[in-house]
Amino acid sequence: MITEGEIWLVNFPFEENPNQFLPRPVIVLNVDLPQILSTKVTKHDPRATDRYDTPIQYWKEANLKYPSTARVSKTVPLKLSNFIHFIGRANFNDLLKIQEMYTEFFFKHM
């Protein structure tokens, strides 16, 4: 069972074409089947143009291969069938910061 705070490799949909996918890690923010709210993770630094990009401080402990950033503005609901394999678990403080940023993003942009 997938739970909040876990990091998974998933088939993540392209913005331009949601029928195309790229394998990439996500942090699970909420599980409300059939939807699993998931935040895209990248090895790139936070972008100055997106205040919601959140550095993952404890990336090694989360079993990520590189210093990573949660792209909070790229949070999407995914289906269970998108999930490929478990990677690790986000540190509590990282998860809390990402959830706070998502809440702020959601109320300003939705």
PDB file of N, CA and C in Angstrom:
ATOM      1  N   MET A   1       0.839  -1.190   0.000  1.00  0.00           N
ATOM      2  CA  MET A   1       0.000   0.000   0.000  1.00  0.00           C
ATOM      3  C   MET A   1       0.880   1.249   0.000  1.00  0.00           C
ATOM      4  N   ILE A   2       0.553   2.182  -0.827  1.00  0.00           N
ATOM      5  CA  ILE A   2       1.284   3.445  -0.921  1.00  0.00           C
ATOM      6  C   ILE A   2       0.777   4.375   0.171  1.00  0.00           C
ATOM      7  N   THR A   3       1.714   5.073   0.850  1.00  0.00           N
ATOM      8  CA  THR A   3       1.313   5.981   1.921  1.00  0.00           C
ATOM      9  C   THR A   3       1.985   7.344   1.764  1.00  0.00           C
ATOM     10  N   GLU A   4       1.394   8.317   2.418  1.00  0.00           N
ATOM     11  CA  GLU A   4       1.892   9.691   2.424  1.00  0.00           C
ATOM     12  C   GLU A   4       3.362   9.727   2.856  1.00  0.00           C
ATOM     13  N   GLY A   5       4.158  10.523   2.142  1.00  0.00           N
ATOM     14  CA  GLY A   5       5.562  10.698   2.483  1.00  0.00           C
ATOM     15  C   GLY A   5       6.494   9.732   1.781  1.00  0.00           C
ATOM     16  N   GLU A   6       5.940   8.728   1.115  1.00  0.00           N
ATOM     17  CA  GLU A   6       6.796   7.794   0.386  1.00  0.00           C
ATOM     18  C   GLU A   6       7.268   8.413  -0.922  1.00  0.00           C
ATOM     19  N   ILE A   7       8.425   7.936  -1.371  1.00  0.00           N
ATOM     20  CA  ILE A   7       8.984   8.360  -2.650  1.00  0.00           C
ATOM     21  C   ILE A   7       8.967   7.152  -3.568  1.00  0.00           C
ATOM     22  N   TRP A   8       8.393   7.349  -4.747  1.00  0.00           N
ATOM     23  CA  TRP A   8       8.226   6.272  -5.720  1.00  0.00           C
ATOM     24  C   TRP A   8       8.725   6.708  -7.084  1.00  0.00           C
ATOM     25  N   LEU A   9       9.181   5.740  -7.866  1.00  0.00           N
ATOM     26  CA  LEU A   9       9.413   5.962  -9.287  1.00  0.00           C
ATOM     27  C   LEU A   9       8.072   5.708  -9.970  1.00  0.00           C
ATOM     28  N   VAL A  10       7.647   6.676 -10.790  1.00  0.00           N
ATOM     29  CA  VAL A  10       6.344   6.560 -11.456  1.00  0.00           C
ATOM     30  C   VAL A  10       6.474   6.906 -12.936  1.00  0.00           C
ATOM     31  N   ASN A  11       5.472   6.554 -13.687  1.00  0.00           N
ATOM     32  CA  ASN A  11       5.314   7.076 -15.044  1.00  0.00           C
ATOM     33  C   ASN A  11       4.600   8.413 -14.898  1.00  0.00           C
ATOM     34  N   PHE A  12       5.383   9.506 -15.042  1.00  0.00           N
ATOM     35  CA  PHE A  12       4.859  10.858 -14.821  1.00  0.00           C
ATOM     36  C   PHE A  12       4.427  11.449 -16.156  1.00  0.00           C
ATOM     37  N   PRO A  13       3.197  11.976 -16.245  1.00  0.00           N
ATOM     38  CA  PRO A  13       2.700  12.488 -17.526  1.00  0.00           C
ATOM     39  C   PRO A  13       3.371  13.800 -17.935  1.00  0.00           C
ATOM     40  N   PHE A  14       3.589  13.945 -19.235  1.00  0.00           N
ATOM     41  CA  PHE A  14       4.068  15.206 -19.787  1.00  0.00           C
ATOM     42  C   PHE A  14       2.951  16.238 -19.687  1.00  0.00           C
ATOM     43  N   GLU A  15       3.322  17.501 -19.422  1.00  0.00           N
ATOM     44  CA  GLU A  15       2.315  18.566 -19.392  1.00  0.00           C
ATOM     45  C   GLU A  15       1.676  18.751 -20.760  1.00  0.00           C
ATOM     46  N   GLU A  16       2.510  18.719 -21.799  1.00  0.00           N
ATOM     47  CA  GLU A  16       2.046  18.984 -23.160  1.00  0.00           C
ATOM     48  C   GLU A  16       1.150  17.867 -23.692  1.00  0.00           C
ATOM     49  N   ASN A  17       1.407  16.642 -23.229  1.00  0.00           N
ATOM     50  CA  ASN A  17       0.634  15.492 -23.695  1.00  0.00           C
ATOM     51  C   ASN A  17       0.510  14.486 -22.553  1.00  0.00           C
ATOM     52  N   PRO A  18      -0.586  14.539 -21.807  1.00  0.00           N
ATOM     53  CA  PRO A  18      -0.745  13.657 -20.652  1.00  0.00           C
ATOM     54  C   PRO A  18      -0.829  12.170 -20.983  1.00  0.00           C
ATOM     55  N   ASN A  19      -0.845  11.838 -22.274  1.00  0.00           N
ATOM     56  CA  ASN A  19      -0.838  10.427 -22.671  1.00  0.00           C
ATOM     57  C   ASN A  19       0.572   9.895 -22.861  1.00  0.00           C
ATOM     58  N   GLN A  20       1.577  10.771 -22.727  1.00  0.00           N
ATOM     59  CA  GLN A  20       2.983  10.359 -22.774  1.00  0.00           C
ATOM     60  C   GLN A  20       3.558  10.477 -21.369  1.00  0.00           C
ATOM     61  N   PHE A  21       4.489   9.563 -21.057  1.00  0.00           N
ATOM     62  CA  PHE A  21       5.019   9.498 -19.702  1.00  0.00           C
ATOM     63  C   PHE A  21       6.535   9.415 -19.706  1.00  0.00           C
ATOM     64  N   LEU A  22       7.115   9.855 -18.587  1.00  0.00           N
ATOM     65  CA  LEU A  22       8.550   9.748 -18.358  1.00  0.00           C
ATOM     66  C   LEU A  22       8.739   9.196 -16.952  1.00  0.00           C
ATOM     67  N   PRO A  23       9.540   8.130 -16.790  1.00  0.00           N
ATOM     68  CA  PRO A  23       9.785   7.627 -15.433  1.00  0.00           C
ATOM     69  C   PRO A  23      10.541   8.675 -14.613  1.00  0.00           C
ATOM     70  N   ARG A  24      10.000   8.988 -13.434  1.00  0.00           N
ATOM     71  CA  ARG A  24      10.668   9.943 -12.551  1.00  0.00           C
ATOM     72  C   ARG A  24      10.160   9.759 -11.129  1.00  0.00           C
ATOM     73  N   PRO A  25      10.942  10.212 -10.154  1.00  0.00           N
ATOM     74  CA  PRO A  25      10.496  10.076  -8.764  1.00  0.00           C
ATOM     75  C   PRO A  25       9.438  11.117  -8.395  1.00  0.00           C
ATOM     76  N   VAL A  26       8.581  10.731  -7.457  1.00  0.00           N
ATOM     77  CA  VAL A  26       7.589  11.634  -6.873  1.00  0.00           C
ATOM     78  C   VAL A  26       7.545  11.409  -5.366  1.00  0.00           C
ATOM     79  N   ILE A  27       7.069  12.428  -4.666  1.00  0.00           N
ATOM     80  CA  ILE A  27       6.753  12.298  -3.244  1.00  0.00           C
ATOM     81  C   ILE A  27       5.232  12.262  -3.132  1.00  0.00           C
ATOM     82  N   VAL A  28       4.724  11.277  -2.424  1.00  0.00           N
ATOM     83  CA  VAL A  28       3.282  11.125  -2.244  1.00  0.00           C
ATOM     84  C   VAL A  28       2.819  12.086  -1.146  1.00  0.00           C
ATOM     85  N   LEU A  29       1.873  12.970  -1.503  1.00  0.00           N
ATOM     86  CA  LEU A  29       1.332  13.919  -0.529  1.00  0.00           C
ATOM     87  C   LEU A  29       0.040  13.431   0.106  1.00  0.00           C
ATOM     88  N   ASN A  30      -0.745  12.671  -0.665  1.00  0.00           N
ATOM     89  CA  ASN A  30      -2.025  12.200  -0.144  1.00  0.00           C
ATOM     90  C   ASN A  30      -2.491  11.000  -0.963  1.00  0.00           C
ATOM     91  N   VAL A  31      -3.094  10.059  -0.278  1.00  0.00           N
ATOM     92  CA  VAL A  31      -3.651   8.890  -0.961  1.00  0.00           C
ATOM     93  C   VAL A  31      -5.155   8.877  -0.708  1.00  0.00           C
ATOM     94  N   ASP A  32      -5.908   9.045  -1.783  1.00  0.00           N
ATOM     95  CA  ASP A  32      -7.362   8.979  -1.737  1.00  0.00           C
ATOM     96  C   ASP A  32      -7.775   8.230  -2.995  1.00  0.00           C
ATOM     97  N   LEU A  33      -7.597   6.895  -2.946  1.00  0.00           N
ATOM     98  CA  LEU A  33      -7.798   6.074  -4.136  1.00  0.00           C
ATOM     99  C   LEU A  33      -9.142   6.352  -4.783  1.00  0.00           C
ATOM    100  N   PRO A  34      -9.205   6.422  -6.093  1.00  0.00           N
ATOM    101  CA  PRO A  34      -8.180   5.975  -7.034  1.00  0.00           C
ATOM    102  C   PRO A  34      -7.085   7.007  -7.328  1.00  0.00           C
ATOM    103  N   GLN A  35      -7.108   8.168  -6.674  1.00  0.00           N
ATOM    104  CA  GLN A  35      -6.119   9.211  -6.935  1.00  0.00           C
ATOM    105  C   GLN A  35      -5.033   9.214  -5.862  1.00  0.00           C
ATOM    106  N   ILE A  36      -3.783   9.413  -6.309  1.00  0.00           N
ATOM    107  CA  ILE A  36      -2.651   9.532  -5.393  1.00  0.00           C
ATOM    108  C   ILE A  36      -1.962  10.846  -5.725  1.00  0.00           C
ATOM    109  N   LEU A  37      -2.124  11.849  -4.854  1.00  0.00           N
ATOM    110  CA  LEU A  37      -1.559  13.177  -5.086  1.00  0.00           C
ATOM    111  C   LEU A  37      -0.043  13.100  -4.946  1.00  0.00           C
ATOM    112  N   SER A  38       0.668  13.448  -6.024  1.00  0.00           N
ATOM    113  CA  SER A  38       2.108  13.203  -6.113  1.00  0.00           C
ATOM    114  C   SER A  38       2.845  14.433  -6.625  1.00  0.00           C
ATOM    115  N   THR A  39       3.968  14.749  -5.980  1.00  0.00           N
ATOM    116  CA  THR A  39       4.785  15.901  -6.357  1.00  0.00           C
ATOM    117  C   THR A  39       6.025  15.441  -7.104  1.00  0.00           C
ATOM    118  N   LYS A  40       6.233  16.022  -8.265  1.00  0.00           N
ATOM    119  CA  LYS A  40       7.387  15.715  -9.117  1.00  0.00           C
ATOM    120  C   LYS A  40       8.687  16.069  -8.387  1.00  0.00           C
ATOM    121  N   VAL A  41       9.692  15.193  -8.523  1.00  0.00           N
ATOM    122  CA  VAL A  41      11.021  15.413  -7.945  1.00  0.00           C
ATOM    123  C   VAL A  41      12.028  15.470  -9.085  1.00  0.00           C
ATOM    124  N   THR A  42      12.953  16.431  -8.994  1.00  0.00           N
ATOM    125  CA  THR A  42      13.994  16.580 -10.009  1.00  0.00           C
ATOM    126  C   THR A  42      15.349  16.746  -9.340  1.00  0.00           C
ATOM    127  N   LYS A  43      16.410  16.409 -10.073  1.00  0.00           N
ATOM    128  CA  LYS A  43      17.759  16.607  -9.535  1.00  0.00           C
ATOM    129  C   LYS A  43      18.254  18.030  -9.773  1.00  0.00           C
ATOM    130  N   HIS A  44      17.470  18.836 -10.473  1.00  0.00           N
ATOM    131  CA  HIS A  44      17.858  20.221 -10.744  1.00  0.00           C
ATOM    132  C   HIS A  44      17.621  21.102  -9.523  1.00  0.00           C
ATOM    133  N   ASP A  45      18.394  22.187  -9.441  1.00  0.00           N
ATOM    134  CA  ASP A  45      18.230  23.148  -8.351  1.00  0.00           C
ATOM    135  C   ASP A  45      16.867  23.834  -8.446  1.00  0.00           C
ATOM    136  N   PRO A  46      16.400  24.394  -7.331  1.00  0.00           N
ATOM    137  CA  PRO A  46      15.156  25.173  -7.386  1.00  0.00           C
ATOM    138  C   PRO A  46      15.297  26.321  -8.391  1.00  0.00           C
ATOM    139  N   ARG A  47      14.233  26.585  -9.118  1.00  0.00           N
ATOM    140  CA  ARG A  47      14.231  27.664 -10.104  1.00  0.00           C
ATOM    141  C   ARG A  47      13.879  28.981  -9.425  1.00  0.00           C
ATOM    142  N   ALA A  48      14.605  30.021  -9.768  1.00  0.00           N
ATOM    143  CA  ALA A  48      14.326  31.344  -9.214  1.00  0.00           C
ATOM    144  C   ALA A  48      12.948  31.841  -9.641  1.00  0.00           C
ATOM    145  N   THR A  49      12.442  31.316 -10.742  1.00  0.00           N
ATOM    146  CA  THR A  49      11.153  31.758 -11.281  1.00  0.00           C
ATOM    147  C   THR A  49       9.956  31.023 -10.676  1.00  0.00           C
ATOM    148  N   ASP A  50      10.203  30.058  -9.800  1.00  0.00           N
ATOM    149  CA  ASP A  50       9.105  29.301  -9.196  1.00  0.00           C
ATOM    150  C   ASP A  50       9.331  29.184  -7.696  1.00  0.00           C
ATOM    151  N   ARG A  51       8.654  30.031  -6.950  1.00  0.00           N
ATOM    152  CA  ARG A  51       8.857  30.078  -5.499  1.00  0.00           C
ATOM    153  C   ARG A  51       8.422  28.795  -4.792  1.00  0.00           C
ATOM    154  N   TYR A  52       7.697  27.925  -5.496  1.00  0.00           N
ATOM    155  CA  TYR A  52       7.215  26.689  -4.887  1.00  0.00           C
ATOM    156  C   TYR A  52       8.201  25.527  -5.021  1.00  0.00           C
ATOM    157  N   ASP A  53       9.268  25.717  -5.792  1.00  0.00           N
ATOM    158  CA  ASP A  53      10.327  24.699  -5.849  1.00  0.00           C
ATOM    159  C   ASP A  53      10.956  24.597  -4.463  1.00  0.00           C
ATOM    160  N   THR A  54      10.971  23.398  -3.909  1.00  0.00           N
ATOM    161  CA  THR A  54      11.401  23.193  -2.523  1.00  0.00           C
ATOM    162  C   THR A  54      12.556  22.204  -2.469  1.00  0.00           C
ATOM    163  N   PRO A  55      13.741  22.658  -1.995  1.00  0.00           N
ATOM    164  CA  PRO A  55      14.875  21.733  -1.893  1.00  0.00           C
ATOM    165  C   PRO A  55      14.566  20.604  -0.911  1.00  0.00           C
ATOM    166  N   ILE A  56      14.996  19.404  -1.259  1.00  0.00           N
ATOM    167  CA  ILE A  56      14.862  18.254  -0.364  1.00  0.00           C
ATOM    168  C   ILE A  56      16.178  18.151   0.402  1.00  0.00           C
ATOM    169  N   GLN A  57      16.144  18.564   1.659  1.00  0.00           N
ATOM    170  CA  GLN A  57      17.357  18.642   2.472  1.00  0.00           C
ATOM    171  C   GLN A  57      17.947  17.258   2.763  1.00  0.00           C
ATOM    172  N   TYR A  58      17.095  16.300   3.025  1.00  0.00           N
ATOM    173  CA  TYR A  58      17.542  14.963   3.436  1.00  0.00           C
ATOM    174  C   TYR A  58      17.388  13.968   2.290  1.00  0.00           C
ATOM    175  N   TRP A  59      17.917  14.334   1.136  1.00  0.00           N
ATOM    176  CA  TRP A  59      17.753  13.519  -0.068  1.00  0.00           C
ATOM    177  C   TRP A  59      18.451  12.171   0.048  1.00  0.00           C
ATOM    178  N   LYS A  60      19.620  12.133   0.703  1.00  0.00           N
ATOM    179  CA  LYS A  60      20.322  10.844   0.859  1.00  0.00           C
ATOM    180  C   LYS A  60      19.512   9.886   1.721  1.00  0.00           C
ATOM    181  N   GLU A  61      18.991  10.408   2.832  1.00  0.00           N
ATOM    182  CA  GLU A  61      18.194   9.583   3.737  1.00  0.00           C
ATOM    183  C   GLU A  61      16.914   9.083   3.064  1.00  0.00           C
ATOM    184  N   ALA A  62      16.441   9.830   2.068  1.00  0.00           N
ATOM    185  CA  ALA A  62      15.230   9.451   1.329  1.00  0.00           C
ATOM    186  C   ALA A  62      15.538   8.458   0.214  1.00  0.00           C
ATOM    187  N   ASN A  63      16.814   8.084   0.095  1.00  0.00           N
ATOM    188  CA  ASN A  63      17.262   7.116  -0.908  1.00  0.00           C
ATOM    189  C   ASN A  63      17.217   7.665  -2.340  1.00  0.00           C
ATOM    190  N   LEU A  64      17.326   9.006  -2.457  1.00  0.00           N
ATOM    191  CA  LEU A  64      17.442   9.621  -3.778  1.00  0.00           C
ATOM    192  C   LEU A  64      18.911   9.621  -4.173  1.00  0.00           C
ATOM    193  N   LYS A  65      19.201   9.539  -5.454  1.00  0.00           N
ATOM    194  CA  LYS A  65      20.580   9.426  -5.925  1.00  0.00           C
ATOM    195  C   LYS A  65      21.320  10.756  -5.952  1.00  0.00           C
ATOM    196  N   TYR A  66      20.578  11.859  -6.043  1.00  0.00           N
ATOM    197  CA  TYR A  66      21.183  13.183  -6.212  1.00  0.00           C
ATOM    198  C   TYR A  66      20.503  14.192  -5.296  1.00  0.00           C
ATOM    199  N   PRO A  67      21.191  15.319  -5.008  1.00  0.00           N
ATOM    200  CA  PRO A  67      20.472  16.424  -4.359  1.00  0.00           C
ATOM    201  C   PRO A  67      19.245  16.742  -5.219  1.00  0.00           C
ATOM    202  N   SER A  68      18.113  16.921  -4.579  1.00  0.00           N
ATOM    203  CA  SER A  68      16.861  16.990  -5.334  1.00  0.00           C
ATOM    204  C   SER A  68      15.974  18.142  -4.889  1.00  0.00           C
ATOM    205  N   THR A  69      15.033  18.467  -5.762  1.00  0.00           N
ATOM    206  CA  THR A  69      14.059  19.529  -5.539  1.00  0.00           C
ATOM    207  C   THR A  69      12.663  18.976  -5.784  1.00  0.00           C
ATOM    208  N   ALA A  70      11.743  19.317  -4.887  1.00  0.00           N
ATOM    209  CA  ALA A  70      10.332  18.990  -5.104  1.00  0.00           C
ATOM    210  C   ALA A  70       9.711  20.131  -5.899  1.00  0.00           C
ATOM    211  N   ARG A  71       9.193  19.823  -7.067  1.00  0.00           N
ATOM    212  CA  ARG A  71       8.537  20.829  -7.914  1.00  0.00           C
ATOM    213  C   ARG A  71       7.061  20.867  -7.519  1.00  0.00           C
ATOM    214  N   VAL A  72       6.784  21.609  -6.457  1.00  0.00           N
ATOM    215  CA  VAL A  72       5.444  21.627  -5.867  1.00  0.00           C
ATOM    216  C   VAL A  72       4.384  22.087  -6.867  1.00  0.00           C
ATOM    217  N   SER A  73       4.746  22.997  -7.754  1.00  0.00           N
ATOM    218  CA  SER A  73       3.782  23.463  -8.758  1.00  0.00           C
ATOM    219  C   SER A  73       3.486  22.383  -9.801  1.00  0.00           C
ATOM    220  N   LYS A  74       4.220  21.288  -9.750  1.00  0.00           N
ATOM    221  CA  LYS A  74       4.015  20.148 -10.658  1.00  0.00           C
ATOM    222  C   LYS A  74       3.436  18.960  -9.884  1.00  0.00           C
ATOM    223  N   THR A  75       2.542  19.249  -8.957  1.00  0.00           N
ATOM    224  CA  THR A  75       1.859  18.206  -8.191  1.00  0.00           C
ATOM    225  C   THR A  75       0.612  17.785  -8.961  1.00  0.00           C
ATOM    226  N   VAL A  76       0.469  16.480  -9.152  1.00  0.00           N
ATOM    227  CA  VAL A  76      -0.656  15.960  -9.942  1.00  0.00           C
ATOM    228  C   VAL A  76      -1.243  14.713  -9.277  1.00  0.00           C
ATOM    229  N   PRO A  77      -2.521  14.445  -9.537  1.00  0.00           N
ATOM    230  CA  PRO A  77      -3.094  13.174  -9.092  1.00  0.00           C
ATOM    231  C   PRO A  77      -2.698  12.076 -10.079  1.00  0.00           C
ATOM    232  N   LEU A  78      -2.208  10.971  -9.555  1.00  0.00           N
ATOM    233  CA  LEU A  78      -1.823   9.831 -10.390  1.00  0.00           C
ATOM    234  C   LEU A  78      -2.650   8.610 -10.004  1.00  0.00           C
ATOM    235  N   LYS A  79      -2.699   7.660 -10.912  1.00  0.00           N
ATOM    236  CA  LYS A  79      -3.367   6.386 -10.649  1.00  0.00           C
ATOM    237  C   LYS A  79      -2.345   5.388 -10.120  1.00  0.00           C
ATOM    238  N   LEU A  80      -2.811   4.403  -9.409  1.00  0.00           N
ATOM    239  CA  LEU A  80      -1.952   3.347  -8.888  1.00  0.00           C
ATOM    240  C   LEU A  80      -1.152   2.688 -10.005  1.00  0.00           C
ATOM    241  N   SER A  81      -1.737   2.586 -11.178  1.00  0.00           N
ATOM    242  CA  SER A  81      -1.056   1.947 -12.313  1.00  0.00           C
ATOM    243  C   SER A  81       0.166   2.733 -12.798  1.00  0.00           C
ATOM    244  N   ASN A  82       0.296   4.017 -12.403  1.00  0.00           N
ATOM    245  CA  ASN A  82       1.470   4.813 -12.767  1.00  0.00           C
ATOM    246  C   ASN A  82       2.694   4.452 -11.922  1.00  0.00           C
ATOM    247  N   PHE A  83       2.489   3.825 -10.778  1.00  0.00           N
ATOM    248  CA  PHE A  83       3.567   3.584  -9.825  1.00  0.00           C
ATOM    249  C   PHE A  83       4.367   2.348 -10.223  1.00  0.00           C
ATOM    250  N   ILE A  84       5.709   2.533 -10.293  1.00  0.00           N
ATOM    251  CA  ILE A  84       6.604   1.474 -10.765  1.00  0.00           C
ATOM    252  C   ILE A  84       7.260   0.757  -9.592  1.00  0.00           C
ATOM    253  N   HIS A  85       8.021   1.519  -8.757  1.00  0.00           N
ATOM    254  CA  HIS A  85       8.619   0.894  -7.574  1.00  0.00           C
ATOM    255  C   HIS A  85       8.956   1.921  -6.502  1.00  0.00           C
ATOM    256  N   PHE A  86       8.995   1.419  -5.276  1.00  0.00           N
ATOM    257  CA  PHE A  86       9.289   2.219  -4.089  1.00  0.00           C
ATOM    258  C   PHE A  86      10.757   2.618  -4.086  1.00  0.00           C
ATOM    259  N   ILE A  87      11.040   3.881  -3.738  1.00  0.00           N
ATOM    260  CA  ILE A  87      12.423   4.363  -3.630  1.00  0.00           C
ATOM    261  C   ILE A  87      12.808   4.563  -2.168  1.00  0.00           C
ATOM    262  N   GLY A  88      11.978   5.279  -1.419  1.00  0.00           N
ATOM    263  CA  GLY A  88      12.323   5.592  -0.033  1.00  0.00           C
ATOM    264  C   GLY A  88      11.212   6.385   0.632  1.00  0.00           C
ATOM    265  N   ARG A  89      11.588   7.043   1.718  1.00  0.00           N
ATOM    266  CA  ARG A  89      10.613   7.818   2.485  1.00  0.00           C
ATOM    267  C   ARG A  89      11.191   9.194   2.757  1.00  0.00           C
ATOM    268  N   ALA A  90      10.387  10.234   2.559  1.00  0.00           N
ATOM    269  CA  ALA A  90      10.832  11.607   2.815  1.00  0.00           C
ATOM    270  C   ALA A  90      10.997  11.832   4.312  1.00  0.00           C
ATOM    271  N   ASN A  91      12.000  12.608   4.667  1.00  0.00           N
ATOM    272  CA  ASN A  91      12.190  13.050   6.040  1.00  0.00           C
ATOM    273  C   ASN A  91      10.962  13.865   6.464  1.00  0.00           C
ATOM    274  N   PHE A  92      10.595  13.765   7.726  1.00  0.00           N
ATOM    275  CA  PHE A  92       9.405  14.460   8.224  1.00  0.00           C
ATOM    276  C   PHE A  92       9.457  15.955   7.929  1.00  0.00           C
ATOM    277  N   ASN A  93      10.606  16.597   8.180  1.00  0.00           N
ATOM    278  CA  ASN A  93      10.720  18.044   7.966  1.00  0.00           C
ATOM    279  C   ASN A  93      10.609  18.413   6.492  1.00  0.00           C
ATOM    280  N   ASP A  94      11.223  17.609   5.616  1.00  0.00           N
ATOM    281  CA  ASP A  94      11.081  17.848   4.178  1.00  0.00           C
ATOM    282  C   ASP A  94       9.618  17.714   3.759  1.00  0.00           C
ATOM    283  N   LEU A  95       8.966  16.662   4.209  1.00  0.00           N
ATOM    284  CA  LEU A  95       7.570  16.431   3.839  1.00  0.00           C
ATOM    285  C   LEU A  95       6.681  17.570   4.334  1.00  0.00           C
ATOM    286  N   LEU A  96       6.896  18.009   5.554  1.00  0.00           N
ATOM    287  CA  LEU A  96       6.098  19.097   6.117  1.00  0.00           C
ATOM    288  C   LEU A  96       6.246  20.370   5.287  1.00  0.00           C
ATOM    289  N   LYS A  97       7.474  20.704   4.907  1.00  0.00           N
ATOM    290  CA  LYS A  97       7.724  21.903   4.096  1.00  0.00           C
ATOM    291  C   LYS A  97       7.042  21.778   2.731  1.00  0.00           C
ATOM    292  N   ILE A  98       7.148  20.622   2.113  1.00  0.00           N
ATOM    293  CA  ILE A  98       6.524  20.403   0.803  1.00  0.00           C
ATOM    294  C   ILE A  98       5.001  20.506   0.921  1.00  0.00           C
ATOM    295  N   GLN A  99       4.430  19.935   1.966  1.00  0.00           N
ATOM    296  CA  GLN A  99       2.979  20.017   2.169  1.00  0.00           C
ATOM    297  C   GLN A  99       2.532  21.459   2.402  1.00  0.00           C
ATOM    298  N   GLU A 100       3.314  22.215   3.172  1.00  0.00           N
ATOM    299  CA  GLU A 100       2.990  23.626   3.407  1.00  0.00           C
ATOM    300  C   GLU A 100       3.024  24.415   2.102  1.00  0.00           C
ATOM    301  N   MET A 101       4.050  24.170   1.292  1.00  0.00           N
ATOM    302  CA  MET A 101       4.165  24.873   0.014  1.00  0.00           C
ATOM    303  C   MET A 101       3.021  24.474  -0.919  1.00  0.00           C
ATOM    304  N   TYR A 102       2.624  23.211  -0.894  1.00  0.00           N
ATOM    305  CA  TYR A 102       1.516  22.772  -1.745  1.00  0.00           C
ATOM    306  C   TYR A 102       0.212  23.437  -1.310  1.00  0.00           C
ATOM    307  N   THR A 103      -0.022  23.518  -0.021  1.00  0.00           N
ATOM    308  CA  THR A 103      -1.241  24.166   0.479  1.00  0.00           C
ATOM    309  C   THR A 103      -1.293  25.617   0.018  1.00  0.00           C
ATOM    310  N   GLU A 104      -0.168  26.319   0.145  1.00  0.00           N
ATOM    311  CA  GLU A 104      -0.102  27.710  -0.310  1.00  0.00           C
ATOM    312  C   GLU A 104      -0.354  27.792  -1.819  1.00  0.00           C
ATOM    313  N   PHE A 105       0.315  26.933  -2.576  1.00  0.00           N
ATOM    314  CA  PHE A 105       0.144  26.916  -4.033  1.00  0.00           C
ATOM    315  C   PHE A 105      -1.315  26.641  -4.403  1.00  0.00           C
ATOM    316  N   PHE A 106      -1.899  25.654  -3.770  1.00  0.00           N
ATOM    317  CA  PHE A 106      -3.271  25.253  -4.079  1.00  0.00           C
ATOM    318  C   PHE A 106      -4.247  26.413  -3.883  1.00  0.00           C
ATOM    319  N   PHE A 107      -4.139  27.095  -2.748  1.00  0.00           N
ATOM    320  CA  PHE A 107      -5.090  28.162  -2.460  1.00  0.00           C
ATOM    321  C   PHE A 107      -4.860  29.415  -3.298  1.00  0.00           C
ATOM    322  N   LYS A 108      -3.663  29.582  -3.836  1.00  0.00           N
ATOM    323  CA  LYS A 108      -3.393  30.744  -4.696  1.00  0.00           C
ATOM    324  C   LYS A 108      -3.679  30.478  -6.167  1.00  0.00           C
ATOM    325  N   HIS A 109      -3.660  29.218  -6.583  1.00  0.00           N
ATOM    326  CA  HIS A 109      -3.749  28.917  -8.009  1.00  0.00           C
ATOM    327  C   HIS A 109      -4.923  28.038  -8.412  1.00  0.00           C
ATOM    328  N   MET A 110      -5.670  27.532  -7.499  1.00  0.00           N
ATOM    329  CA  MET A 110      -6.763  26.624  -7.868  1.00  0.00           C
ATOM    330  C   MET A 110      -8.107  27.312  -7.735  1.00  0.00           C
TER     331      MET A 110
END
